[in-house]
Amino acid sequence: MNIIFAGTPEFAVPSLQMLLASDHEVCAVYTQPDRPAGRGRHLQPSPVKQVAMAANIPVLQPLNFKADADLQQLRSFNADLMVVVAYGIILPQSVLDAPKLGCLNVHGSLLPRWRGAAPIQRAVLAGDAQTGVTIIQLVLKLDAGAMLHKEVCPIGEADTSSSLHDRLSGLGATALATVLGQLEQGTVQAEPQAEALVTYAEKLDKSEAVIDWAQPAEAIARKVRGLNAWPVAQTLYRGEVLRIWRAEALGNSIIDAGAAPGRVVSAHKHLDVQTGDGVLRLLEIQLPGGKRMAVEAFLNAHDVNGALLG
């Protein structure tokens, strides 16, 4: 098939690489405009653009498809199919109708659960036992198209949004390859989503990073895992922002029955903090201007016994 690919971040790269290695022809790649990044704030091409350029595939970066010239250019590729993976631009109906077979989307959840911008993070924050990827037909309504294929991925106790992102990225390519094969064979089956089961994965906000130590240890541990690698869970330590990259809940352990939530109750071999229910053990942290470090290294240089966080 003659395929247009639309995607922007690292999550989309395995799907594009799979298409480039397949018998299909990637006739064009659409990605968001270059953005400033790094200390110098120089314009940087997206991960998808970098892969496309290395493969000598035409790259297009319209702000949107409101200009008729952009739509006409897309139609000129005479594509059989358009594959969309984390493109980040809402496509109008005119674009969805352009390819002969329409547009497919690789979504990072088991739809209809977690439609929206942050499905991976919301699954971790909610304590879901599993997630996955779903290949859907793109429609105007957000992530609401018919489902063509799913790949399931369990969420382990140590999984972070970052580790799940990498696994689901690869699973997306696997699921996409399956659906492309079904399309060629005429065996693909579309299943409508059950609207009664829909949940929405709202976009993450920096304000969510602040830890409320009155919450149970299990909930805070999920926050730490769910907000890794952005925006990263944080608390105040002696007036400075302490970022927490890894932590684990110790269940209903009570080290100091009278300790207030946020109080450091052990700072010898471990850094344990009392919560509203149970104790949270910090494993990897970061101080302002410093690098991520294991708690053991932090304790060697700081006396935090009895400190109140938050």
C-alpha atoms as a PDB file:
ATOM      1  CA  MET A   1       0.000   0.000   0.000  1.00  0.00           C
ATOM      2  CA  ASN A   2       0.933   3.620  -0.506  1.00  0.00           C
ATOM      3  CA  ILE A   3       0.933   5.062   3.040  1.00  0.00           C
ATOM      4  CA  ILE A   4       1.169   8.542   4.540  1.00  0.00           C
ATOM      5  CA  PHE A   5       2.562   8.548   8.090  1.00  0.00           C
ATOM      6  CA  ALA A   6       1.734  11.286  10.609  1.00  0.00           C
ATOM      7  CA  GLY A   7       3.479  11.373  13.978  1.00  0.00           C
ATOM      8  CA  THR A   8       5.777  13.476  16.098  1.00  0.00           C
ATOM      9  CA  PRO A   9       7.349  12.091  19.340  1.00  0.00           C
ATOM     10  CA  GLU A  10       9.509   9.096  20.155  1.00  0.00           C
ATOM     11  CA  PHE A  11       6.373   6.989  20.750  1.00  0.00           C
ATOM     12  CA  ALA A  12       5.646   7.071  17.016  1.00  0.00           C
ATOM     13  CA  VAL A  13       9.120   6.060  15.841  1.00  0.00           C
ATOM     14  CA  PRO A  14       8.801   2.215  16.051  1.00  0.00           C
ATOM     15  CA  SER A  15       5.610   2.318  13.960  1.00  0.00           C
ATOM     16  CA  LEU A  16       7.325   4.412  11.282  1.00  0.00           C
ATOM     17  CA  GLN A  17      10.396   2.162  11.333  1.00  0.00           C
ATOM     18  CA  MET A  18       8.163  -0.886  10.903  1.00  0.00           C
ATOM     19  CA  LEU A  19       6.519   0.691   7.845  1.00  0.00           C
ATOM     20  CA  LEU A  20       9.873   1.634   6.344  1.00  0.00           C
ATOM     21  CA  ALA A  21      11.088  -1.968   6.736  1.00  0.00           C
ATOM     22  CA  SER A  22       7.875  -3.436   5.259  1.00  0.00           C
ATOM     23  CA  ASP A  23       6.767  -3.981   1.674  1.00  0.00           C
ATOM     24  CA  HIS A  24       4.564  -0.885   1.909  1.00  0.00           C
ATOM     25  CA  GLU A  25       5.604   2.460   0.457  1.00  0.00           C
ATOM     26  CA  VAL A  26       5.781   5.436   2.821  1.00  0.00           C
ATOM     27  CA  CYS A  27       5.115   8.256   0.357  1.00  0.00           C
ATOM     28  CA  ALA A  28       5.209  11.129   2.867  1.00  0.00           C
ATOM     29  CA  VAL A  29       5.657  11.877   6.547  1.00  0.00           C
ATOM     30  CA  TYR A  30       3.743  14.587   8.386  1.00  0.00           C
ATOM     31  CA  THR A  31       5.062  15.866  11.698  1.00  0.00           C
ATOM     32  CA  GLN A  32       4.700  18.967  13.842  1.00  0.00           C
ATOM     33  CA  PRO A  33       6.880  22.025  13.118  1.00  0.00           C
ATOM     34  CA  ASP A  34      10.358  22.072  14.659  1.00  0.00           C
ATOM     35  CA  ARG A  35      10.340  23.314  18.266  1.00  0.00           C
ATOM     36  CA  PRO A  36      13.034  25.078  20.338  1.00  0.00           C
ATOM     37  CA  ALA A  37      14.747  22.724  22.771  1.00  0.00           C
ATOM     38  CA  GLY A  38      17.832  22.427  24.954  1.00  0.00           C
ATOM     39  CA  ARG A  39      19.754  25.153  26.741  1.00  0.00           C
ATOM     40  CA  GLY A  40      20.292  27.158  23.575  1.00  0.00           C
ATOM     41  CA  ARG A  41      16.609  26.874  22.618  1.00  0.00           C
ATOM     42  CA  HIS A  42      17.603  26.016  19.060  1.00  0.00           C
ATOM     43  CA  LEU A  43      14.954  24.581  16.739  1.00  0.00           C
ATOM     44  CA  GLN A  44      14.974  20.786  16.896  1.00  0.00           C
ATOM     45  CA  PRO A  45      13.309  18.369  14.462  1.00  0.00           C
ATOM     46  CA  SER A  46      10.927  15.854  15.971  1.00  0.00           C
ATOM     47  CA  PRO A  47      12.090  12.241  16.431  1.00  0.00           C
ATOM     48  CA  VAL A  48       9.785  11.223  13.569  1.00  0.00           C
ATOM     49  CA  LYS A  49      11.258  13.862  11.255  1.00  0.00           C
ATOM     50  CA  GLN A  50      14.769  12.657  12.016  1.00  0.00           C
ATOM     51  CA  VAL A  51      13.883   9.088  11.022  1.00  0.00           C
ATOM     52  CA  ALA A  52      12.078  10.226   7.870  1.00  0.00           C
ATOM     53  CA  MET A  53      14.946  12.433   6.750  1.00  0.00           C
ATOM     54  CA  ALA A  54      17.434   9.610   7.259  1.00  0.00           C
ATOM     55  CA  ALA A  55      15.249   7.458   5.004  1.00  0.00           C
ATOM     56  CA  ASN A  56      14.887  10.239   2.376  1.00  0.00           C
ATOM     57  CA  ILE A  57      11.112  10.411   2.807  1.00  0.00           C
ATOM     58  CA  PRO A  58       9.406  13.751   2.023  1.00  0.00           C
ATOM     59  CA  VAL A  59       8.598  15.576   5.292  1.00  0.00           C
ATOM     60  CA  LEU A  60       5.750  18.076   5.609  1.00  0.00           C
ATOM     61  CA  GLN A  61       5.090  20.235   8.682  1.00  0.00           C
ATOM     62  CA  PRO A  62       1.907  22.289   8.315  1.00  0.00           C
ATOM     63  CA  LEU A  63       0.600  24.104  11.397  1.00  0.00           C
ATOM     64  CA  ASN A  64      -2.829  22.667  10.555  1.00  0.00           C
ATOM     65  CA  PHE A  65      -4.849  21.832   7.466  1.00  0.00           C
ATOM     66  CA  LYS A  66      -6.880  25.031   7.228  1.00  0.00           C
ATOM     67  CA  ALA A  67      -5.030  26.167   4.111  1.00  0.00           C
ATOM     68  CA  ASP A  68      -6.422  24.596   0.936  1.00  0.00           C
ATOM     69  CA  ALA A  69      -2.887  24.198  -0.435  1.00  0.00           C
ATOM     70  CA  ASP A  70      -1.973  21.842   2.438  1.00  0.00           C
ATOM     71  CA  LEU A  71      -5.010  19.671   1.785  1.00  0.00           C
ATOM     72  CA  GLN A  72      -4.351  19.565  -1.954  1.00  0.00           C
ATOM     73  CA  GLN A  73      -0.740  18.561  -1.335  1.00  0.00           C
ATOM     74  CA  LEU A  74      -1.845  15.693   0.924  1.00  0.00           C
ATOM     75  CA  ARG A  75      -4.338  14.518  -1.728  1.00  0.00           C
ATOM     76  CA  SER A  76      -1.619  14.625  -4.376  1.00  0.00           C
ATOM     77  CA  PHE A  77       0.151  11.683  -2.742  1.00  0.00           C
ATOM     78  CA  ASN A  78      -2.817   9.496  -3.760  1.00  0.00           C
ATOM     79  CA  ALA A  79      -2.390   7.407  -0.605  1.00  0.00           C
ATOM     80  CA  ASP A  80      -4.222   4.186   0.111  1.00  0.00           C
ATOM     81  CA  LEU A  81      -3.978   4.771   3.848  1.00  0.00           C
ATOM     82  CA  MET A  82      -2.844   7.293   6.440  1.00  0.00           C
ATOM     83  CA  VAL A  83      -1.324   6.053   9.718  1.00  0.00           C
ATOM     84  CA  VAL A  84      -1.452   8.498  12.625  1.00  0.00           C
ATOM     85  CA  VAL A  85       0.596   7.973  15.804  1.00  0.00           C
ATOM     86  CA  ALA A  86       0.738  10.775  18.393  1.00  0.00           C
ATOM     87  CA  TYR A  87       0.728  13.430  15.660  1.00  0.00           C
ATOM     88  CA  GLY A  88      -0.571  16.128  17.998  1.00  0.00           C
ATOM     89  CA  ILE A  89      -2.733  17.921  15.404  1.00  0.00           C
ATOM     90  CA  ILE A  90      -6.486  17.433  15.089  1.00  0.00           C
ATOM     91  CA  LEU A  91      -7.288  16.292  11.565  1.00  0.00           C
ATOM     92  CA  PRO A  92     -10.384  17.698   9.813  1.00  0.00           C
ATOM     93  CA  GLN A  93     -12.843  15.447   8.001  1.00  0.00           C
ATOM     94  CA  SER A  94     -11.375  16.481   4.649  1.00  0.00           C
ATOM     95  CA  VAL A  95      -8.055  14.887   5.659  1.00  0.00           C
ATOM     96  CA  LEU A  96      -9.695  11.785   7.123  1.00  0.00           C
ATOM     97  CA  ASP A  97     -11.512  11.266   3.812  1.00  0.00           C
ATOM     98  CA  ALA A  98      -8.456  11.792   1.587  1.00  0.00           C
ATOM     99  CA  PRO A  99      -6.830   8.298   1.655  1.00  0.00           C
ATOM    100  CA  LYS A 100      -8.766   5.529  -0.110  1.00  0.00           C
ATOM    101  CA  LEU A 101      -8.966   3.403   3.058  1.00  0.00           C
ATOM    102  CA  GLY A 102      -9.165   6.298   5.502  1.00  0.00           C
ATOM    103  CA  CYS A 103      -6.916   6.849   8.513  1.00  0.00           C
ATOM    104  CA  LEU A 104      -5.731   4.502  11.265  1.00  0.00           C
ATOM    105  CA  ASN A 105      -4.542   5.570  14.700  1.00  0.00           C
ATOM    106  CA  VAL A 106      -2.250   3.794  17.180  1.00  0.00           C
ATOM    107  CA  HIS A 107      -3.531   4.685  20.678  1.00  0.00           C
ATOM    108  CA  GLY A 108      -1.695   3.865  23.927  1.00  0.00           C
ATOM    109  CA  SER A 109      -4.522   2.294  25.943  1.00  0.00           C
ATOM    110  CA  LEU A 110      -7.107  -0.459  25.861  1.00  0.00           C
ATOM    111  CA  LEU A 111      -9.964   1.597  24.498  1.00  0.00           C
ATOM    112  CA  PRO A 112     -12.573   2.688  25.390  1.00  0.00           C
ATOM    113  CA  ARG A 113     -10.642   3.165  28.651  1.00  0.00           C
ATOM    114  CA  TRP A 114      -8.438   6.251  28.645  1.00  0.00           C
ATOM    115  CA  ARG A 115      -9.296   8.220  25.570  1.00  0.00           C
ATOM    116  CA  GLY A 116      -7.326  11.449  25.419  1.00  0.00           C
ATOM    117  CA  ALA A 117      -3.912  13.012  25.875  1.00  0.00           C
ATOM    118  CA  ALA A 118      -2.249  11.035  28.699  1.00  0.00           C
ATOM    119  CA  PRO A 119      -3.499   7.420  28.583  1.00  0.00           C
ATOM    120  CA  ILE A 120      -0.265   5.812  29.778  1.00  0.00           C
ATOM    121  CA  GLN A 121       0.130   8.074  32.804  1.00  0.00           C
ATOM    122  CA  ARG A 122      -3.533   7.888  33.804  1.00  0.00           C
ATOM    123  CA  ALA A 123      -3.461   4.095  33.746  1.00  0.00           C
ATOM    124  CA  VAL A 124      -0.540   4.077  36.202  1.00  0.00           C
ATOM    125  CA  LEU A 125      -2.043   6.794  38.414  1.00  0.00           C
ATOM    126  CA  ALA A 126      -5.321   4.887  38.617  1.00  0.00           C
ATOM    127  CA  GLY A 127      -3.624   1.641  39.610  1.00  0.00           C
ATOM    128  CA  ASP A 128      -4.753  -0.288  36.530  1.00  0.00           C
ATOM    129  CA  ALA A 129      -3.487  -3.873  36.366  1.00  0.00           C
ATOM    130  CA  GLN A 130      -3.009  -3.712  32.611  1.00  0.00           C
ATOM    131  CA  THR A 131      -2.942  -1.392  29.632  1.00  0.00           C
ATOM    132  CA  GLY A 132      -2.052  -1.840  25.989  1.00  0.00           C
ATOM    133  CA  VAL A 133      -2.474  -0.378  22.528  1.00  0.00           C
ATOM    134  CA  THR A 134      -5.540  -0.179  20.317  1.00  0.00           C
ATOM    135  CA  ILE A 135      -5.617   0.375  16.561  1.00  0.00           C
ATOM    136  CA  ILE A 136      -8.682   2.411  15.666  1.00  0.00           C
ATOM    137  CA  GLN A 137     -10.238   4.046  12.640  1.00  0.00           C
ATOM    138  CA  LEU A 138      -9.838   7.793  12.992  1.00  0.00           C
ATOM    139  CA  VAL A 139     -13.033   9.817  13.266  1.00  0.00           C
ATOM    140  CA  LEU A 140     -13.629  13.450  14.207  1.00  0.00           C
ATOM    141  CA  LYS A 141     -14.595  12.603  17.800  1.00  0.00           C
ATOM    142  CA  LEU A 142     -11.554  12.159  20.080  1.00  0.00           C
ATOM    143  CA  ASP A 143     -10.283   8.525  20.072  1.00  0.00           C
ATOM    144  CA  ALA A 144     -13.826   7.307  19.407  1.00  0.00           C
ATOM    145  CA  GLY A 145     -13.363   5.298  16.209  1.00  0.00           C
ATOM    146  CA  ALA A 146     -14.078   1.609  15.741  1.00  0.00           C
ATOM    147  CA  MET A 147     -11.428  -0.738  17.191  1.00  0.00           C
ATOM    148  CA  LEU A 148      -9.536  -3.000  14.786  1.00  0.00           C
ATOM    149  CA  HIS A 149      -6.983  -4.718  17.042  1.00  0.00           C
ATOM    150  CA  LYS A 150      -5.631  -4.673  20.605  1.00  0.00           C
ATOM    151  CA  GLU A 151      -2.373  -5.737  22.226  1.00  0.00           C
ATOM    152  CA  VAL A 152      -2.446  -6.141  26.035  1.00  0.00           C
ATOM    153  CA  CYS A 153       0.424  -5.144  28.328  1.00  0.00           C
ATOM    154  CA  PRO A 154       0.442  -5.885  32.096  1.00  0.00           C
ATOM    155  CA  ILE A 155       1.462  -3.077  34.456  1.00  0.00           C
ATOM    156  CA  GLY A 156       4.025  -4.326  36.980  1.00  0.00           C
ATOM    157  CA  GLU A 157       4.500  -2.976  40.486  1.00  0.00           C
ATOM    158  CA  ALA A 158       7.737  -1.255  39.480  1.00  0.00           C
ATOM    159  CA  ASP A 159       6.518   0.071  36.135  1.00  0.00           C
ATOM    160  CA  THR A 160       6.667   3.802  35.520  1.00  0.00           C
ATOM    161  CA  SER A 161       4.953   5.765  32.779  1.00  0.00           C
ATOM    162  CA  SER A 162       8.381   5.993  31.168  1.00  0.00           C
ATOM    163  CA  SER A 163       8.983   2.226  31.104  1.00  0.00           C
ATOM    164  CA  LEU A 164       5.432   1.557  29.894  1.00  0.00           C
ATOM    165  CA  HIS A 165       5.803   4.204  27.191  1.00  0.00           C
ATOM    166  CA  ASP A 166       8.755   2.320  25.719  1.00  0.00           C
ATOM    167  CA  ARG A 167       6.980  -1.059  25.790  1.00  0.00           C
ATOM    168  CA  LEU A 168       3.735   0.291  24.360  1.00  0.00           C
ATOM    169  CA  SER A 169       5.629   2.107  21.628  1.00  0.00           C
ATOM    170  CA  GLY A 170       6.955  -1.223  20.376  1.00  0.00           C
ATOM    171  CA  LEU A 171       3.595  -2.947  20.860  1.00  0.00           C
ATOM    172  CA  GLY A 172       2.003  -0.236  18.734  1.00  0.00           C
ATOM    173  CA  ALA A 173       4.206  -1.197  15.805  1.00  0.00           C
ATOM    174  CA  THR A 174       3.327  -4.871  16.320  1.00  0.00           C
ATOM    175  CA  ALA A 175      -0.402  -4.140  16.428  1.00  0.00           C
ATOM    176  CA  LEU A 176      -0.189  -1.903  13.367  1.00  0.00           C
ATOM    177  CA  ALA A 177       1.594  -4.600  11.361  1.00  0.00           C
ATOM    178  CA  THR A 178      -1.177  -7.058  12.269  1.00  0.00           C
ATOM    179  CA  VAL A 179      -3.907  -4.698  11.060  1.00  0.00           C
ATOM    180  CA  LEU A 180      -2.093  -3.882   7.811  1.00  0.00           C
ATOM    181  CA  GLY A 181      -1.903  -7.600   7.082  1.00  0.00           C
ATOM    182  CA  GLN A 182      -5.609  -7.975   7.794  1.00  0.00           C
ATOM    183  CA  LEU A 183      -6.418  -5.041   5.507  1.00  0.00           C
ATOM    184  CA  GLU A 184      -4.509  -6.646   2.651  1.00  0.00           C
ATOM    185  CA  GLN A 185      -6.265  -9.972   3.220  1.00  0.00           C
ATOM    186  CA  GLY A 186      -9.685  -8.399   3.689  1.00  0.00           C
ATOM    187  CA  THR A 187     -10.106  -9.989   7.130  1.00  0.00           C
ATOM    188  CA  VAL A 188     -10.071  -6.890   9.353  1.00  0.00           C
ATOM    189  CA  GLN A 189     -13.042  -6.634  11.728  1.00  0.00           C
ATOM    190  CA  ALA A 190     -14.166  -3.328  13.190  1.00  0.00           C
ATOM    191  CA  GLU A 191     -15.670  -3.318  16.691  1.00  0.00           C
ATOM    192  CA  PRO A 192     -17.495  -0.209  17.944  1.00  0.00           C
ATOM    193  CA  GLN A 193     -16.467   1.162  21.338  1.00  0.00           C
ATOM    194  CA  ALA A 194     -18.888   0.785  24.249  1.00  0.00           C
ATOM    195  CA  GLU A 195     -19.667   4.376  25.210  1.00  0.00           C
ATOM    196  CA  ALA A 196     -20.725   3.307  28.724  1.00  0.00           C
ATOM    197  CA  LEU A 197     -17.119   2.193  29.419  1.00  0.00           C
ATOM    198  CA  VAL A 198     -15.395   5.368  28.213  1.00  0.00           C
ATOM    199  CA  THR A 199     -12.951   7.137  30.543  1.00  0.00           C
ATOM    200  CA  TYR A 200     -10.875  10.188  29.670  1.00  0.00           C
ATOM    201  CA  ALA A 201      -7.150  10.682  30.202  1.00  0.00           C
ATOM    202  CA  GLU A 202      -6.829  14.397  30.838  1.00  0.00           C
ATOM    203  CA  LYS A 203      -3.580  16.129  29.868  1.00  0.00           C
ATOM    204  CA  LEU A 204      -1.033  16.177  32.697  1.00  0.00           C
ATOM    205  CA  ASP A 205      -0.496  19.443  34.552  1.00  0.00           C
ATOM    206  CA  LYS A 206       2.603  20.466  36.517  1.00  0.00           C
ATOM    207  CA  SER A 207       0.428  21.144  39.554  1.00  0.00           C
ATOM    208  CA  GLU A 208      -0.267  17.411  39.835  1.00  0.00           C
ATOM    209  CA  ALA A 209       3.379  16.798  40.735  1.00  0.00           C
ATOM    210  CA  VAL A 210       3.037  18.142  44.294  1.00  0.00           C
ATOM    211  CA  ILE A 211       2.700  15.309  46.830  1.00  0.00           C
ATOM    212  CA  ASP A 212      -0.047  15.454  49.450  1.00  0.00           C
ATOM    213  CA  TRP A 213       1.451  13.436  52.294  1.00  0.00           C
ATOM    214  CA  ALA A 214      -2.015  12.957  53.830  1.00  0.00           C
ATOM    215  CA  GLN A 215      -2.775  10.569  50.967  1.00  0.00           C
ATOM    216  CA  PRO A 216      -2.120   6.818  51.431  1.00  0.00           C
ATOM    217  CA  ALA A 217       1.365   5.543  50.681  1.00  0.00           C
ATOM    218  CA  GLU A 218       0.034   3.385  47.825  1.00  0.00           C
ATOM    219  CA  ALA A 219      -1.531   6.413  46.093  1.00  0.00           C
ATOM    220  CA  ILE A 220       1.652   8.462  46.455  1.00  0.00           C
ATOM    221  CA  ALA A 221       3.755   5.597  45.093  1.00  0.00           C
ATOM    222  CA  ARG A 222       1.470   5.481  42.035  1.00  0.00           C
ATOM    223  CA  LYS A 223       1.925   9.232  41.616  1.00  0.00           C
ATOM    224  CA  VAL A 224       5.703   8.820  41.675  1.00  0.00           C
ATOM    225  CA  ARG A 225       5.520   6.071  39.042  1.00  0.00           C
ATOM    226  CA  GLY A 226       2.832   7.774  36.976  1.00  0.00           C
ATOM    227  CA  LEU A 227       4.628  11.130  36.744  1.00  0.00           C
ATOM    228  CA  ASN A 228       8.005   9.627  35.804  1.00  0.00           C
ATOM    229  CA  ALA A 229       9.449  11.031  33.504  1.00  0.00           C
ATOM    230  CA  TRP A 230       7.276  14.207  33.477  1.00  0.00           C
ATOM    231  CA  PRO A 231       6.498  16.305  35.447  1.00  0.00           C
ATOM    232  CA  VAL A 232       8.051  14.141  38.256  1.00  0.00           C
ATOM    233  CA  ALA A 233       6.513  13.961  41.739  1.00  0.00           C
ATOM    234  CA  GLN A 234       7.902  16.562  44.138  1.00  0.00           C
ATOM    235  CA  THR A 235       7.787  17.850  47.682  1.00  0.00           C
ATOM    236  CA  LEU A 236       9.511  20.550  49.722  1.00  0.00           C
ATOM    237  CA  TYR A 237      12.580  19.720  51.804  1.00  0.00           C
ATOM    238  CA  ARG A 238      13.774  22.620  53.968  1.00  0.00           C
ATOM    239  CA  GLY A 239      12.387  25.120  51.472  1.00  0.00           C
ATOM    240  CA  GLU A 240      13.815  23.424  48.391  1.00  0.00           C
ATOM    241  CA  VAL A 241      12.004  21.342  45.793  1.00  0.00           C
ATOM    242  CA  LEU A 242      12.853  17.666  46.190  1.00  0.00           C
ATOM    243  CA  ARG A 243      11.959  15.624  43.128  1.00  0.00           C
ATOM    244  CA  ILE A 244      11.151  11.970  43.749  1.00  0.00           C
ATOM    245  CA  TRP A 245      11.917   9.644  40.860  1.00  0.00           C
ATOM    246  CA  ARG A 246      11.399   6.285  42.557  1.00  0.00           C
ATOM    247  CA  ALA A 247       9.649   5.179  45.729  1.00  0.00           C
ATOM    248  CA  GLU A 248       7.764   2.221  47.154  1.00  0.00           C
ATOM    249  CA  ALA A 249       4.901   1.886  49.586  1.00  0.00           C
ATOM    250  CA  LEU A 250       5.540  -0.155  52.729  1.00  0.00           C
ATOM    251  CA  GLY A 251       1.876  -0.954  53.204  1.00  0.00           C
ATOM    252  CA  ASN A 252       0.423  -0.218  56.612  1.00  0.00           C
ATOM    253  CA  SER A 253       3.770  -0.171  58.378  1.00  0.00           C
ATOM    254  CA  ILE A 254       3.809   2.119  61.408  1.00  0.00           C
ATOM    255  CA  ILE A 255       7.290   3.239  62.422  1.00  0.00           C
ATOM    256  CA  ASP A 256       6.117   6.149  64.573  1.00  0.00           C
ATOM    257  CA  ALA A 257       2.400   6.061  65.401  1.00  0.00           C
ATOM    258  CA  GLY A 258       2.425   9.745  66.343  1.00  0.00           C
ATOM    259  CA  ALA A 259       4.227  11.008  63.262  1.00  0.00           C
ATOM    260  CA  ALA A 260       2.450  13.563  61.112  1.00  0.00           C
ATOM    261  CA  PRO A 261       2.089  12.910  57.362  1.00  0.00           C
ATOM    262  CA  GLY A 262       5.288  14.052  55.655  1.00  0.00           C
ATOM    263  CA  ARG A 263       7.508  13.393  58.677  1.00  0.00           C
ATOM    264  CA  VAL A 264      10.732  11.466  57.998  1.00  0.00           C
ATOM    265  CA  VAL A 265      10.506   8.528  60.380  1.00  0.00           C
ATOM    266  CA  SER A 266      13.673   6.715  59.354  1.00  0.00           C
ATOM    267  CA  ALA A 267      16.815   8.135  57.748  1.00  0.00           C
ATOM    268  CA  HIS A 268      19.531   5.608  58.505  1.00  0.00           C
ATOM    269  CA  LYS A 269      19.831   2.973  55.790  1.00  0.00           C
ATOM    270  CA  HIS A 270      16.512   4.056  54.247  1.00  0.00           C
ATOM    271  CA  LEU A 271      14.542   7.256  53.858  1.00  0.00           C
ATOM    272  CA  ASP A 272      11.023   6.481  55.061  1.00  0.00           C
ATOM    273  CA  VAL A 273       8.236   9.050  55.229  1.00  0.00           C
ATOM    274  CA  GLN A 274       4.965   8.782  57.124  1.00  0.00           C
ATOM    275  CA  THR A 275       1.840   9.258  54.993  1.00  0.00           C
ATOM    276  CA  GLY A 276      -1.865   9.401  55.767  1.00  0.00           C
ATOM    277  CA  ASP A 277      -1.898   5.602  55.596  1.00  0.00           C
ATOM    278  CA  GLY A 278       1.342   3.663  55.659  1.00  0.00           C
ATOM    279  CA  VAL A 279       4.963   4.607  54.988  1.00  0.00           C
ATOM    280  CA  LEU A 280       6.576   5.618  51.719  1.00  0.00           C
ATOM    281  CA  ARG A 281      10.205   4.622  51.173  1.00  0.00           C
ATOM    282  CA  LEU A 282      12.063   7.008  48.861  1.00  0.00           C
ATOM    283  CA  LEU A 283      14.555   5.300  46.548  1.00  0.00           C
ATOM    284  CA  GLU A 284      15.788   7.902  44.058  1.00  0.00           C
ATOM    285  CA  ILE A 285      15.615  11.675  44.422  1.00  0.00           C
ATOM    286  CA  GLN A 286      16.926  14.932  42.957  1.00  0.00           C
ATOM    287  CA  LEU A 287      17.724  18.293  44.505  1.00  0.00           C
ATOM    288  CA  PRO A 288      17.578  21.599  42.554  1.00  0.00           C
ATOM    289  CA  GLY A 289      20.525  21.895  40.194  1.00  0.00           C
ATOM    290  CA  GLY A 290      21.670  18.363  40.984  1.00  0.00           C
ATOM    291  CA  LYS A 291      21.466  15.007  39.272  1.00  0.00           C
ATOM    292  CA  ARG A 292      19.216  12.092  40.134  1.00  0.00           C
ATOM    293  CA  MET A 293      20.765  10.068  42.931  1.00  0.00           C
ATOM    294  CA  ALA A 294      20.106   6.991  45.002  1.00  0.00           C
ATOM    295  CA  VAL A 295      18.795   7.813  48.470  1.00  0.00           C
ATOM    296  CA  GLU A 296      21.832   6.165  50.059  1.00  0.00           C
ATOM    297  CA  ALA A 297      24.097   8.802  48.488  1.00  0.00           C
ATOM    298  CA  PHE A 298      21.751  11.572  49.631  1.00  0.00           C
ATOM    299  CA  LEU A 299      21.731  10.310  53.222  1.00  0.00           C
ATOM    300  CA  ASN A 300      25.538  10.281  53.305  1.00  0.00           C
ATOM    301  CA  ALA A 301      25.521  14.055  52.836  1.00  0.00           C
ATOM    302  CA  HIS A 302      22.284  15.132  54.575  1.00  0.00           C
ATOM    303  CA  ASP A 303      20.889  14.647  58.088  1.00  0.00           C
ATOM    304  CA  VAL A 304      17.140  14.446  57.424  1.00  0.00           C
ATOM    305  CA  ASN A 305      16.005  12.424  60.436  1.00  0.00           C
ATOM    306  CA  GLY A 306      12.793  13.949  61.771  1.00  0.00           C
ATOM    307  CA  ALA A 307      12.487  16.468  58.909  1.00  0.00           C
ATOM    308  CA  LEU A 308       8.984  17.394  57.745  1.00  0.00           C
ATOM    309  CA  LEU A 309       8.474  17.232  53.983  1.00  0.00           C
ATOM    310  CA  GLY A 310       5.951  19.323  52.160  1.00  0.00           C
END
